Amino acid sequence: MLSAARRVASNPASLMRPMSALTHSALFSTSSSAMAPTNIKNITVFGSGLMGAGIVQVAAQNAFNVTMVDLNPAALQKGQDIITSSLKRVAKKQFPEDAEKQKEFIDQTMSRVKTSTDSEAASKDADLIIEAIVENLKTKQQLFAMLDKVAPEHTLFCSNTSSLPIADIAKATKRTDRFGGLHFFNPVPQMKLVEVIRTDATSQDSFDSLMDVCNRMKKTPVSCKDTPGFIVNRLLVPYMMESLRIVERGEATPQDVDVAMKLGAGFPMGPFELADFVGLDTMQYIVDGWRKEGKIDANLVAPVKLLDDLVAQGNFGRKSGQGFYSYSGVGGKK
């Protein structure tokens, strides 16, 4: 969910920009044993929202050739606008007094970015494919089943999911040994952490390649098994849910809880500020999913009426203009 803070603008469930369901048929089969690429150069990213665009930017900044894929040119243009806007901030920080170097930095980075609405063409030269689409298991499986048929045998597959089991997504392919998770955090250009998720089937070569990619992107990777919420969300979501229960029981106000955690625990944001930033619908989606899986203590993911009521009313937090706090317009500030 700190990851969730990734997709503030839309995407119940994982903060990546939603893409509508793809219609390719799924393919379920066993894995093969091709070697993972040892020197990844070409990366294809599916999804051009905040998360996808952020991943594209960081990869391009660090000398990878990147293709950003989405369903239509309008979505891709929004993704390019996100990248350009972010790069301008980075350039001004790196070269505060040199407009020429700022432009050169932006132009060089963008020269390594291509866009496409053709999934097959965008995948044919990929060493690594990263998926950052809607947080829906069936949709992800459909995408990867199709890609498994057209991507080179050596290509590594990764999901940026924050809440779905990597193994469940991977089983739609024949390359479960070349499938893992790369869980970036929002905003990707600023957040240093990447959770690198390995399933029981992920090969050591594949895992080593993913760790290497993160290091080359100047990120700090941490290894995690394929468990609900991985590391950060597994700790963060129950904490946020208990904060909701404190308020629901009338023991404190959202404002006082936020102040207490910022000043008493040194957190940069209180749990209610964070919930609004992440999206209350996203929180609900993740908790509901974990509860259905039954792999986490039921008390930690028990429904909270306060949260369910706000979501039912369409109050999702910052992205809707109203959550626990009111914001000046959709996506605005308090």
C-alpha atoms as a PDB file:
ATOM      1  CA  MET A   1       0.000   0.000   0.000  1.00  0.00           C
ATOM      2  CA  LEU A   2       2.849   2.274   0.277  1.00  0.00           C
ATOM      3  CA  SER A   3       2.973   0.818  -3.060  1.00  0.00           C
ATOM      4  CA  ALA A   4      -0.539   1.653  -3.407  1.00  0.00           C
ATOM      5  CA  ALA A   5       0.409   5.193  -3.045  1.00  0.00           C
ATOM      6  CA  ARG A   6       1.575   4.555  -6.465  1.00  0.00           C
ATOM      7  CA  ARG A   7      -1.668   4.732  -8.323  1.00  0.00           C
ATOM      8  CA  VAL A   8      -3.445   7.550  -6.724  1.00  0.00           C
ATOM      9  CA  ALA A   9      -5.247   8.655  -9.777  1.00  0.00           C
ATOM     10  CA  SER A  10      -7.283   5.552 -10.478  1.00  0.00           C
ATOM     11  CA  ASN A  11      -6.876   1.831 -10.013  1.00  0.00           C
ATOM     12  CA  PRO A  12      -8.607   0.106  -7.286  1.00  0.00           C
ATOM     13  CA  ALA A  13      -6.120  -2.289  -6.146  1.00  0.00           C
ATOM     14  CA  SER A  14      -2.679  -1.518  -6.904  1.00  0.00           C
ATOM     15  CA  LEU A  15      -2.209   1.898  -8.024  1.00  0.00           C
ATOM     16  CA  MET A  16      -1.303   1.162 -11.498  1.00  0.00           C
ATOM     17  CA  ARG A  17      -3.261   2.613 -14.318  1.00  0.00           C
ATOM     18  CA  PRO A  18      -6.156   0.317 -15.202  1.00  0.00           C
ATOM     19  CA  MET A  19      -6.274  -1.223 -18.644  1.00  0.00           C
ATOM     20  CA  SER A  20      -9.496  -2.818 -19.812  1.00  0.00           C
ATOM     21  CA  ALA A  21      -9.639  -6.589 -19.937  1.00  0.00           C
ATOM     22  CA  LEU A  22      -7.714  -8.185 -22.787  1.00  0.00           C
ATOM     23  CA  THR A  23      -9.538 -10.869 -24.689  1.00  0.00           C
ATOM     24  CA  HIS A  24      -6.739 -13.316 -25.403  1.00  0.00           C
ATOM     25  CA  SER A  25      -7.386 -16.872 -24.236  1.00  0.00           C
ATOM     26  CA  ALA A  26      -5.408 -18.171 -21.274  1.00  0.00           C
ATOM     27  CA  LEU A  27      -2.846 -20.923 -21.563  1.00  0.00           C
ATOM     28  CA  PHE A  28      -2.083 -23.119 -18.566  1.00  0.00           C
ATOM     29  CA  SER A  29       0.910 -25.417 -18.714  1.00  0.00           C
ATOM     30  CA  THR A  30       4.178 -26.402 -17.091  1.00  0.00           C
ATOM     31  CA  SER A  31       7.382 -24.390 -17.204  1.00  0.00           C
ATOM     32  CA  SER A  32      10.346 -24.934 -19.500  1.00  0.00           C
ATOM     33  CA  SER A  33      13.989 -24.451 -18.613  1.00  0.00           C
ATOM     34  CA  ALA A  34      15.397 -21.730 -20.887  1.00  0.00           C
ATOM     35  CA  MET A  35      18.139 -19.592 -19.378  1.00  0.00           C
ATOM     36  CA  ALA A  36      17.254 -16.089 -18.243  1.00  0.00           C
ATOM     37  CA  PRO A  37      19.122 -13.256 -19.996  1.00  0.00           C
ATOM     38  CA  THR A  38      22.265 -12.259 -18.122  1.00  0.00           C
ATOM     39  CA  ASN A  39      22.494  -8.755 -19.570  1.00  0.00           C
ATOM     40  CA  ILE A  40      19.056  -7.243 -19.978  1.00  0.00           C
ATOM     41  CA  LYS A  41      18.991  -4.336 -22.427  1.00  0.00           C
ATOM     42  CA  ASN A  42      15.449  -4.130 -23.805  1.00  0.00           C
ATOM     43  CA  ILE A  43      12.491  -3.734 -21.469  1.00  0.00           C
ATOM     44  CA  THR A  44       8.808  -3.633 -22.407  1.00  0.00           C
ATOM     45  CA  VAL A  45       6.360  -2.174 -19.897  1.00  0.00           C
ATOM     46  CA  PHE A  46       2.620  -2.824 -20.156  1.00  0.00           C
ATOM     47  CA  GLY A  47       0.638   0.055 -18.647  1.00  0.00           C
ATOM     48  CA  SER A  48       1.287   3.787 -19.038  1.00  0.00           C
ATOM     49  CA  GLY A  49      -0.259   5.162 -15.851  1.00  0.00           C
ATOM     50  CA  LEU A  50       1.638   6.501 -12.841  1.00  0.00           C
ATOM     51  CA  MET A  51       3.348   3.191 -12.112  1.00  0.00           C
ATOM     52  CA  GLY A  52       4.008   2.105 -15.666  1.00  0.00           C
ATOM     53  CA  ALA A  53       5.249   5.532 -16.740  1.00  0.00           C
ATOM     54  CA  GLY A  54       7.424   5.756 -13.642  1.00  0.00           C
ATOM     55  CA  ILE A  55       9.047   2.402 -14.376  1.00  0.00           C
ATOM     56  CA  VAL A  56       9.618   3.428 -17.998  1.00  0.00           C
ATOM     57  CA  GLN A  57      11.247   6.682 -16.895  1.00  0.00           C
ATOM     58  CA  VAL A  58      13.623   5.076 -14.414  1.00  0.00           C
ATOM     59  CA  ALA A  59      14.630   2.393 -16.909  1.00  0.00           C
ATOM     60  CA  ALA A  60      15.255   4.920 -19.691  1.00  0.00           C
ATOM     61  CA  GLN A  61      17.218   7.213 -17.372  1.00  0.00           C
ATOM     62  CA  ASN A  62      19.556   4.308 -16.690  1.00  0.00           C
ATOM     63  CA  ALA A  63      20.331   3.380 -20.290  1.00  0.00           C
ATOM     64  CA  PHE A  64      17.736   0.651 -20.913  1.00  0.00           C
ATOM     65  CA  ASN A  65      15.824   0.703 -24.186  1.00  0.00           C
ATOM     66  CA  VAL A  66      12.152   0.795 -23.183  1.00  0.00           C
ATOM     67  CA  THR A  67       8.863   0.258 -24.994  1.00  0.00           C
ATOM     68  CA  MET A  68       5.721   1.457 -23.215  1.00  0.00           C
ATOM     69  CA  VAL A  69       2.538  -0.360 -24.251  1.00  0.00           C
ATOM     70  CA  ASP A  70      -1.094   0.559 -23.678  1.00  0.00           C
ATOM     71  CA  LEU A  71      -4.454   0.115 -25.338  1.00  0.00           C
ATOM     72  CA  ASN A  72      -4.657   3.369 -27.284  1.00  0.00           C
ATOM     73  CA  PRO A  73      -2.609   6.432 -28.313  1.00  0.00           C
ATOM     74  CA  ALA A  74      -4.417   8.698 -25.843  1.00  0.00           C
ATOM     75  CA  ALA A  75      -3.319   6.565 -22.898  1.00  0.00           C
ATOM     76  CA  LEU A  76       0.239   6.468 -24.214  1.00  0.00           C
ATOM     77  CA  GLN A  77       0.286  10.236 -24.627  1.00  0.00           C
ATOM     78  CA  LYS A  78      -0.755  10.657 -20.996  1.00  0.00           C
ATOM     79  CA  GLY A  79       2.060   8.329 -20.010  1.00  0.00           C
ATOM     80  CA  GLN A  80       4.563  10.327 -22.035  1.00  0.00           C
ATOM     81  CA  ASP A  81       3.285  13.532 -20.424  1.00  0.00           C
ATOM     82  CA  ILE A  82       3.813  12.001 -16.970  1.00  0.00           C
ATOM     83  CA  ILE A  83       7.381  11.066 -17.896  1.00  0.00           C
ATOM     84  CA  THR A  84       8.213  14.427 -19.470  1.00  0.00           C
ATOM     85  CA  SER A  85       6.841  16.360 -16.497  1.00  0.00           C
ATOM     86  CA  SER A  86       8.837  14.231 -14.068  1.00  0.00           C
ATOM     87  CA  LEU A  87      12.019  14.475 -16.134  1.00  0.00           C
ATOM     88  CA  LYS A  88      11.785  18.265 -16.128  1.00  0.00           C
ATOM     89  CA  ARG A  89      11.818  18.226 -12.329  1.00  0.00           C
ATOM     90  CA  VAL A  90      14.756  15.833 -12.272  1.00  0.00           C
ATOM     91  CA  ALA A  91      16.682  17.890 -14.843  1.00  0.00           C
ATOM     92  CA  LYS A  92      16.164  21.132 -12.937  1.00  0.00           C
ATOM     93  CA  LYS A  93      17.440  19.487  -9.784  1.00  0.00           C
ATOM     94  CA  GLN A  94      20.508  18.004 -11.490  1.00  0.00           C
ATOM     95  CA  PHE A  95      21.343  21.059 -13.612  1.00  0.00           C
ATOM     96  CA  PRO A  96      19.713  24.024 -11.819  1.00  0.00           C
ATOM     97  CA  GLU A  97      21.590  26.698 -13.744  1.00  0.00           C
ATOM     98  CA  ASP A  98      22.025  25.049 -17.134  1.00  0.00           C
ATOM     99  CA  ALA A  99      18.972  24.973 -19.405  1.00  0.00           C
ATOM    100  CA  GLU A 100      20.945  23.378 -22.225  1.00  0.00           C
ATOM    101  CA  LYS A 101      21.999  20.410 -20.092  1.00  0.00           C
ATOM    102  CA  GLN A 102      18.445  20.080 -18.806  1.00  0.00           C
ATOM    103  CA  LYS A 103      17.170  19.758 -22.368  1.00  0.00           C
ATOM    104  CA  GLU A 104      19.950  17.353 -23.291  1.00  0.00           C
ATOM    105  CA  PHE A 105      19.147  15.135 -20.300  1.00  0.00           C
ATOM    106  CA  ILE A 106      15.435  15.025 -21.173  1.00  0.00           C
ATOM    107  CA  ASP A 107      16.054  14.432 -24.885  1.00  0.00           C
ATOM    108  CA  GLN A 108      18.547  11.629 -24.258  1.00  0.00           C
ATOM    109  CA  THR A 109      16.214   9.873 -21.845  1.00  0.00           C
ATOM    110  CA  MET A 110      13.179  10.168 -24.126  1.00  0.00           C
ATOM    111  CA  SER A 111      15.236   8.915 -27.092  1.00  0.00           C
ATOM    112  CA  ARG A 112      15.337   5.540 -25.351  1.00  0.00           C
ATOM    113  CA  VAL A 113      11.529   5.394 -24.994  1.00  0.00           C
ATOM    114  CA  LYS A 114       9.220   3.999 -27.663  1.00  0.00           C
ATOM    115  CA  THR A 115       5.450   3.559 -27.439  1.00  0.00           C
ATOM    116  CA  SER A 116       3.156   0.975 -28.971  1.00  0.00           C
ATOM    117  CA  THR A 117      -0.384  -0.341 -28.979  1.00  0.00           C
ATOM    118  CA  ASP A 118       0.799  -3.579 -30.620  1.00  0.00           C
ATOM    119  CA  SER A 119       1.539  -6.056 -27.836  1.00  0.00           C
ATOM    120  CA  GLU A 120       3.137  -8.634 -30.110  1.00  0.00           C
ATOM    121  CA  ALA A 121       5.449  -6.235 -31.928  1.00  0.00           C
ATOM    122  CA  ALA A 122       6.457  -4.576 -28.646  1.00  0.00           C
ATOM    123  CA  SER A 123       7.470  -7.915 -27.156  1.00  0.00           C
ATOM    124  CA  LYS A 124       9.495  -9.528 -29.935  1.00  0.00           C
ATOM    125  CA  ASP A 125      12.846  -7.995 -28.873  1.00  0.00           C
ATOM    126  CA  ALA A 126      12.185  -7.775 -25.131  1.00  0.00           C
ATOM    127  CA  ASP A 127      14.625  -9.228 -22.614  1.00  0.00           C
ATOM    128  CA  LEU A 128      12.275  -8.306 -19.774  1.00  0.00           C
ATOM    129  CA  ILE A 129       8.530  -7.600 -19.745  1.00  0.00           C
ATOM    130  CA  ILE A 130       7.056  -5.770 -16.764  1.00  0.00           C
ATOM    131  CA  GLU A 131       3.277  -5.664 -16.344  1.00  0.00           C
ATOM    132  CA  ALA A 132       1.702  -2.686 -14.564  1.00  0.00           C
ATOM    133  CA  ILE A 133      -1.960  -2.944 -15.579  1.00  0.00           C
ATOM    134  CA  VAL A 134      -5.240  -3.287 -13.705  1.00  0.00           C
ATOM    135  CA  GLU A 135      -5.106  -5.352 -10.505  1.00  0.00           C
ATOM    136  CA  ASN A 136      -7.213  -8.229 -11.768  1.00  0.00           C
ATOM    137  CA  LEU A 137      -5.900 -11.784 -11.778  1.00  0.00           C
ATOM    138  CA  LYS A 138      -7.781 -12.978 -14.869  1.00  0.00           C
ATOM    139  CA  THR A 139      -6.747  -9.939 -16.908  1.00  0.00           C
ATOM    140  CA  LYS A 140      -3.104 -10.388 -15.974  1.00  0.00           C
ATOM    141  CA  GLN A 141      -3.260 -14.096 -16.796  1.00  0.00           C
ATOM    142  CA  GLN A 142      -4.807 -13.345 -20.187  1.00  0.00           C
ATOM    143  CA  LEU A 143      -2.083 -10.834 -20.967  1.00  0.00           C
ATOM    144  CA  PHE A 144       0.788 -13.128 -19.997  1.00  0.00           C
ATOM    145  CA  ALA A 145      -0.748 -16.150 -21.736  1.00  0.00           C
ATOM    146  CA  MET A 146      -0.778 -14.156 -24.964  1.00  0.00           C
ATOM    147  CA  LEU A 147       2.742 -12.788 -24.409  1.00  0.00           C
ATOM    148  CA  ASP A 148       4.052 -16.274 -23.677  1.00  0.00           C
ATOM    149  CA  LYS A 149       3.216 -17.230 -27.254  1.00  0.00           C
ATOM    150  CA  VAL A 150       4.981 -14.282 -28.904  1.00  0.00           C
ATOM    151  CA  ALA A 151       7.879 -13.201 -26.668  1.00  0.00           C
ATOM    152  CA  PRO A 152      11.324 -14.756 -27.186  1.00  0.00           C
ATOM    153  CA  GLU A 153      11.989 -17.865 -25.131  1.00  0.00           C
ATOM    154  CA  HIS A 154      14.643 -16.114 -23.032  1.00  0.00           C
ATOM    155  CA  THR A 155      12.384 -13.180 -22.069  1.00  0.00           C
ATOM    156  CA  LEU A 156      11.772 -12.726 -18.362  1.00  0.00           C
ATOM    157  CA  PHE A 157       8.207 -11.911 -17.250  1.00  0.00           C
ATOM    158  CA  CYS A 158       7.411  -9.776 -14.207  1.00  0.00           C
ATOM    159  CA  SER A 159       4.322  -8.357 -12.540  1.00  0.00           C
ATOM    160  CA  ASN A 160       4.268  -5.150 -10.535  1.00  0.00           C
ATOM    161  CA  THR A 161       1.255  -6.355  -8.528  1.00  0.00           C
ATOM    162  CA  SER A 162       1.027  -5.287  -4.914  1.00  0.00           C
ATOM    163  CA  SER A 163      -1.609  -7.789  -3.802  1.00  0.00           C
ATOM    164  CA  LEU A 164      -1.942 -10.796  -6.137  1.00  0.00           C
ATOM    165  CA  PRO A 165       0.105 -14.021  -5.864  1.00  0.00           C
ATOM    166  CA  ILE A 166       2.861 -14.065  -8.482  1.00  0.00           C
ATOM    167  CA  ALA A 167       2.559 -17.848  -8.866  1.00  0.00           C
ATOM    168  CA  ASP A 168      -1.130 -17.529  -9.753  1.00  0.00           C
ATOM    169  CA  ILE A 169      -0.300 -15.065 -12.525  1.00  0.00           C
ATOM    170  CA  ALA A 170       2.667 -17.105 -13.742  1.00  0.00           C
ATOM    171  CA  LYS A 171       0.744 -20.339 -14.129  1.00  0.00           C
ATOM    172  CA  ALA A 172      -0.888 -18.914 -17.276  1.00  0.00           C
ATOM    173  CA  THR A 173       2.511 -19.344 -18.995  1.00  0.00           C
ATOM    174  CA  LYS A 174       5.031 -22.041 -19.871  1.00  0.00           C
ATOM    175  CA  ARG A 175       7.868 -20.054 -18.280  1.00  0.00           C
ATOM    176  CA  THR A 176       7.198 -20.150 -14.555  1.00  0.00           C
ATOM    177  CA  ASP A 177      10.970 -20.460 -14.034  1.00  0.00           C
ATOM    178  CA  ARG A 178      11.408 -17.111 -15.802  1.00  0.00           C
ATOM    179  CA  PHE A 179       8.615 -15.334 -13.950  1.00  0.00           C
ATOM    180  CA  GLY A 180       8.900 -13.134 -10.856  1.00  0.00           C
ATOM    181  CA  GLY A 181       7.634  -9.976  -9.229  1.00  0.00           C
ATOM    182  CA  LEU A 182       9.132  -6.487  -9.344  1.00  0.00           C
ATOM    183  CA  HIS A 183       7.099  -4.418  -6.925  1.00  0.00           C
ATOM    184  CA  PHE A 184       8.009  -0.743  -7.355  1.00  0.00           C
ATOM    185  CA  PHE A 185       6.697   2.000  -5.092  1.00  0.00           C
ATOM    186  CA  ASN A 186       5.042   5.276  -5.983  1.00  0.00           C
ATOM    187  CA  PRO A 187       6.374   7.696  -7.083  1.00  0.00           C
ATOM    188  CA  VAL A 188       8.792   5.358  -8.846  1.00  0.00           C
ATOM    189  CA  PRO A 189      11.460   7.977  -9.716  1.00  0.00           C
ATOM    190  CA  GLN A 190      11.788   8.971  -6.045  1.00  0.00           C
ATOM    191  CA  MET A 191      11.167   5.741  -4.143  1.00  0.00           C
ATOM    192  CA  LYS A 192      14.339   3.663  -3.856  1.00  0.00           C
ATOM    193  CA  LEU A 193      12.808   0.344  -2.848  1.00  0.00           C
ATOM    194  CA  VAL A 194      11.847  -2.550  -5.117  1.00  0.00           C
ATOM    195  CA  GLU A 195      10.547  -5.825  -3.707  1.00  0.00           C
ATOM    196  CA  VAL A 196      11.868  -8.679  -5.858  1.00  0.00           C
ATOM    197  CA  ILE A 197       9.470 -11.594  -5.502  1.00  0.00           C
ATOM    198  CA  ARG A 198      10.481 -15.152  -6.278  1.00  0.00           C
ATOM    199  CA  THR A 199       8.078 -18.063  -6.440  1.00  0.00           C
ATOM    200  CA  ASP A 200       9.003 -21.672  -5.759  1.00  0.00           C
ATOM    201  CA  ALA A 201       9.488 -22.050  -9.521  1.00  0.00           C
ATOM    202  CA  THR A 202      11.581 -18.916 -10.167  1.00  0.00           C
ATOM    203  CA  SER A 203      15.078 -19.981 -11.216  1.00  0.00           C
ATOM    204  CA  GLN A 204      18.212 -18.599  -9.609  1.00  0.00           C
ATOM    205  CA  ASP A 205      19.308 -17.167 -12.962  1.00  0.00           C
ATOM    206  CA  SER A 206      16.013 -15.308 -13.283  1.00  0.00           C
ATOM    207  CA  PHE A 207      16.187 -13.995  -9.737  1.00  0.00           C
ATOM    208  CA  ASP A 208      19.781 -12.829 -10.188  1.00  0.00           C
ATOM    209  CA  SER A 209      18.826 -11.042 -13.411  1.00  0.00           C
ATOM    210  CA  LEU A 210      15.982  -9.204 -11.690  1.00  0.00           C
ATOM    211  CA  MET A 211      18.216  -8.116  -8.829  1.00  0.00           C
ATOM    212  CA  ASP A 212      20.775  -6.889 -11.381  1.00  0.00           C
ATOM    213  CA  VAL A 213      18.116  -4.865 -13.238  1.00  0.00           C
ATOM    214  CA  CYS A 214      17.082  -3.146 -10.012  1.00  0.00           C
ATOM    215  CA  ASN A 215      20.678  -2.267  -9.175  1.00  0.00           C
ATOM    216  CA  ARG A 216      21.239  -0.896 -12.676  1.00  0.00           C
ATOM    217  CA  MET A 217      18.106   1.242 -12.216  1.00  0.00           C
ATOM    218  CA  LYS A 218      19.809   2.601  -9.069  1.00  0.00           C
ATOM    219  CA  LYS A 219      17.122   1.051  -6.856  1.00  0.00           C
ATOM    220  CA  THR A 220      17.556  -0.900  -3.626  1.00  0.00           C
ATOM    221  CA  PRO A 221      16.123  -4.395  -4.119  1.00  0.00           C
ATOM    222  CA  VAL A 222      14.974  -6.640  -1.296  1.00  0.00           C
ATOM    223  CA  SER A 223      14.176 -10.314  -1.753  1.00  0.00           C
ATOM    224  CA  CYS A 224      10.799 -11.669  -0.716  1.00  0.00           C
ATOM    225  CA  LYS A 225       8.905 -14.912  -1.109  1.00  0.00           C
ATOM    226  CA  ASP A 226       5.553 -14.980  -2.861  1.00  0.00           C
ATOM    227  CA  THR A 227       3.404 -14.318   0.212  1.00  0.00           C
ATOM    228  CA  PRO A 228       0.369 -11.995   0.636  1.00  0.00           C
ATOM    229  CA  GLY A 229       1.469  -8.354   0.591  1.00  0.00           C
ATOM    230  CA  PHE A 230       5.134  -9.326   0.311  1.00  0.00           C
ATOM    231  CA  ILE A 231       6.976  -7.252   2.977  1.00  0.00           C
ATOM    232  CA  VAL A 232       5.783  -3.651   3.014  1.00  0.00           C
ATOM    233  CA  ASN A 233       2.067  -4.158   2.438  1.00  0.00           C
ATOM    234  CA  ARG A 234       1.948  -7.191   4.719  1.00  0.00           C
ATOM    235  CA  LEU A 235       3.009  -4.912   7.574  1.00  0.00           C
ATOM    236  CA  LEU A 236       1.356  -1.715   6.416  1.00  0.00           C
ATOM    237  CA  VAL A 237      -2.181  -2.849   5.567  1.00  0.00           C
ATOM    238  CA  PRO A 238      -2.982  -4.417   8.982  1.00  0.00           C
ATOM    239  CA  TYR A 239      -1.615  -1.271  10.651  1.00  0.00           C
ATOM    240  CA  MET A 240      -3.901   0.909   8.549  1.00  0.00           C
ATOM    241  CA  MET A 241      -6.895  -1.342   9.215  1.00  0.00           C
ATOM    242  CA  GLU A 242      -6.322  -1.191  12.969  1.00  0.00           C
ATOM    243  CA  SER A 243      -6.184   2.603  12.708  1.00  0.00           C
ATOM    244  CA  LEU A 244      -9.657   2.477  11.134  1.00  0.00           C
ATOM    245  CA  ARG A 245     -10.923   0.304  13.993  1.00  0.00           C
ATOM    246  CA  ILE A 246      -9.617   2.761  16.595  1.00  0.00           C
ATOM    247  CA  VAL A 247     -11.662   5.523  14.976  1.00  0.00           C
ATOM    248  CA  GLU A 248     -14.692   3.304  14.423  1.00  0.00           C
ATOM    249  CA  ARG A 249     -14.706   2.443  18.124  1.00  0.00           C
ATOM    250  CA  GLY A 250     -14.683   6.157  18.942  1.00  0.00           C
ATOM    251  CA  GLU A 251     -11.327   6.035  20.698  1.00  0.00           C
ATOM    252  CA  ALA A 252      -9.731   8.833  18.638  1.00  0.00           C
ATOM    253  CA  THR A 253     -10.318  10.970  15.562  1.00  0.00           C
ATOM    254  CA  PRO A 254      -8.523  10.443  12.233  1.00  0.00           C
ATOM    255  CA  GLN A 255      -6.741  13.749  12.751  1.00  0.00           C
ATOM    256  CA  ASP A 256      -5.459  12.789  16.204  1.00  0.00           C
ATOM    257  CA  VAL A 257      -4.331   9.360  15.026  1.00  0.00           C
ATOM    258  CA  ASP A 258      -2.392  10.948  12.165  1.00  0.00           C
ATOM    259  CA  VAL A 259      -0.728  13.497  14.453  1.00  0.00           C
ATOM    260  CA  ALA A 260       0.106  10.785  16.985  1.00  0.00           C
ATOM    261  CA  MET A 261       1.814   8.537  14.437  1.00  0.00           C
ATOM    262  CA  LYS A 262       3.740  11.385  12.821  1.00  0.00           C
ATOM    263  CA  LEU A 263       5.003  12.907  16.054  1.00  0.00           C
ATOM    264  CA  GLY A 264       5.121   9.797  18.210  1.00  0.00           C
ATOM    265  CA  ALA A 265       6.376   7.203  15.730  1.00  0.00           C
ATOM    266  CA  GLY A 266       8.191   9.479  13.289  1.00  0.00           C
ATOM    267  CA  PHE A 267       6.092   8.444  10.295  1.00  0.00           C
ATOM    268  CA  PRO A 268       6.040  10.946   7.391  1.00  0.00           C
ATOM    269  CA  MET A 269       2.281  10.476   6.951  1.00  0.00           C
ATOM    270  CA  GLY A 270      -0.438   9.354   9.315  1.00  0.00           C
ATOM    271  CA  PRO A 271      -2.469   6.229   8.401  1.00  0.00           C
ATOM    272  CA  PHE A 272      -5.534   8.219   7.324  1.00  0.00           C
ATOM    273  CA  GLU A 273      -3.514  10.600   5.177  1.00  0.00           C
ATOM    274  CA  LEU A 274      -1.854   7.578   3.635  1.00  0.00           C
ATOM    275  CA  ALA A 275      -5.182   5.781   3.115  1.00  0.00           C
ATOM    276  CA  ASP A 276      -6.547   8.802   1.255  1.00  0.00           C
ATOM    277  CA  PHE A 277      -3.381   8.971  -0.835  1.00  0.00           C
ATOM    278  CA  VAL A 278      -3.453   5.269  -1.680  1.00  0.00           C
ATOM    279  CA  GLY A 279      -7.189   5.147  -2.332  1.00  0.00           C
ATOM    280  CA  LEU A 280      -9.804   3.745   0.016  1.00  0.00           C
ATOM    281  CA  ASP A 281     -11.170   1.548  -2.768  1.00  0.00           C
ATOM    282  CA  THR A 282      -7.696   0.119  -3.239  1.00  0.00           C
ATOM    283  CA  MET A 283      -7.426  -0.653   0.464  1.00  0.00           C
ATOM    284  CA  GLN A 284     -10.786  -2.378   0.420  1.00  0.00           C
ATOM    285  CA  TYR A 285      -9.850  -4.399  -2.672  1.00  0.00           C
ATOM    286  CA  ILE A 286      -6.609  -5.656  -1.158  1.00  0.00           C
ATOM    287  CA  VAL A 287      -8.136  -6.557   2.209  1.00  0.00           C
ATOM    288  CA  ASP A 288     -11.105  -8.305   0.595  1.00  0.00           C
ATOM    289  CA  GLY A 289      -8.729 -10.299  -1.597  1.00  0.00           C
ATOM    290  CA  TRP A 290      -6.547 -11.379   1.300  1.00  0.00           C
ATOM    291  CA  ARG A 291      -9.607 -12.374   3.322  1.00  0.00           C
ATOM    292  CA  LYS A 292     -10.860 -14.575   0.470  1.00  0.00           C
ATOM    293  CA  GLU A 293      -7.444 -16.222   0.109  1.00  0.00           C
ATOM    294  CA  GLY A 294      -7.525 -17.171   3.779  1.00  0.00           C
ATOM    295  CA  LYS A 295      -3.737 -17.016   4.122  1.00  0.00           C
ATOM    296  CA  ILE A 296      -3.701 -14.213   6.726  1.00  0.00           C
ATOM    297  CA  ASP A 297      -5.140 -14.134  10.238  1.00  0.00           C
ATOM    298  CA  ALA A 298      -8.825 -13.287   9.724  1.00  0.00           C
ATOM    299  CA  ASN A 299      -8.735 -10.713  12.532  1.00  0.00           C
ATOM    300  CA  LEU A 300      -6.165  -8.646  10.645  1.00  0.00           C
ATOM    301  CA  VAL A 301      -8.324  -8.347   7.531  1.00  0.00           C
ATOM    302  CA  ALA A 302     -11.795  -8.284   9.080  1.00  0.00           C
ATOM    303  CA  PRO A 303     -14.151  -5.803   7.348  1.00  0.00           C
ATOM    304  CA  VAL A 304     -14.403  -2.290   8.777  1.00  0.00           C
ATOM    305  CA  LYS A 305     -17.781  -0.626   8.218  1.00  0.00           C
ATOM    306  CA  LEU A 306     -16.228   2.831   8.234  1.00  0.00           C
ATOM    307  CA  LEU A 307     -14.112   1.941   5.206  1.00  0.00           C
ATOM    308  CA  ASP A 308     -16.873   0.076   3.387  1.00  0.00           C
ATOM    309  CA  ASP A 309     -19.303   2.978   3.827  1.00  0.00           C
ATOM    310  CA  LEU A 310     -16.887   5.552   2.422  1.00  0.00           C
ATOM    311  CA  VAL A 311     -16.149   3.391  -0.613  1.00  0.00           C
ATOM    312  CA  ALA A 312     -19.869   2.755  -1.200  1.00  0.00           C
ATOM    313  CA  GLN A 313     -20.389   6.535  -1.188  1.00  0.00           C
ATOM    314  CA  GLY A 314     -17.705   7.009  -3.838  1.00  0.00           C
ATOM    315  CA  ASN A 315     -15.335   8.712  -1.397  1.00  0.00           C
ATOM    316  CA  PHE A 316     -12.028   7.123  -2.361  1.00  0.00           C
ATOM    317  CA  GLY A 317      -9.654   9.723  -0.953  1.00  0.00           C
ATOM    318  CA  ARG A 318      -7.487  12.217  -2.779  1.00  0.00           C
ATOM    319  CA  LYS A 319      -8.269  10.866  -6.242  1.00  0.00           C
ATOM    320  CA  SER A 320     -12.013  11.483  -5.780  1.00  0.00           C
ATOM    321  CA  GLY A 321     -11.636  14.734  -3.833  1.00  0.00           C
ATOM    322  CA  GLN A 322     -13.061  13.310  -0.583  1.00  0.00           C
ATOM    323  CA  GLY A 323     -12.015  10.586   1.837  1.00  0.00           C
ATOM    324  CA  PHE A 324     -11.165  11.005   5.489  1.00  0.00           C
ATOM    325  CA  TYR A 325     -10.125  14.510   4.464  1.00  0.00           C
ATOM    326  CA  SER A 326     -11.495  16.920   1.871  1.00  0.00           C
ATOM    327  CA  TYR A 327      -9.322  17.926  -1.063  1.00  0.00           C
ATOM    328  CA  SER A 328      -9.420  20.879  -3.408  1.00  0.00           C
ATOM    329  CA  GLY A 329     -10.701  19.038  -6.439  1.00  0.00           C
ATOM    330  CA  VAL A 330      -9.981  15.514  -7.632  1.00  0.00           C
ATOM    331  CA  GLY A 331      -6.358  14.691  -6.846  1.00  0.00           C
ATOM    332  CA  GLY A 332      -5.958  18.029  -5.055  1.00  0.00           C
ATOM    333  CA  LYS A 333      -4.379  19.010  -1.763  1.00  0.00           C
ATOM    334  CA  LYS A 334      -6.027  19.177   1.630  1.00  0.00           C
END
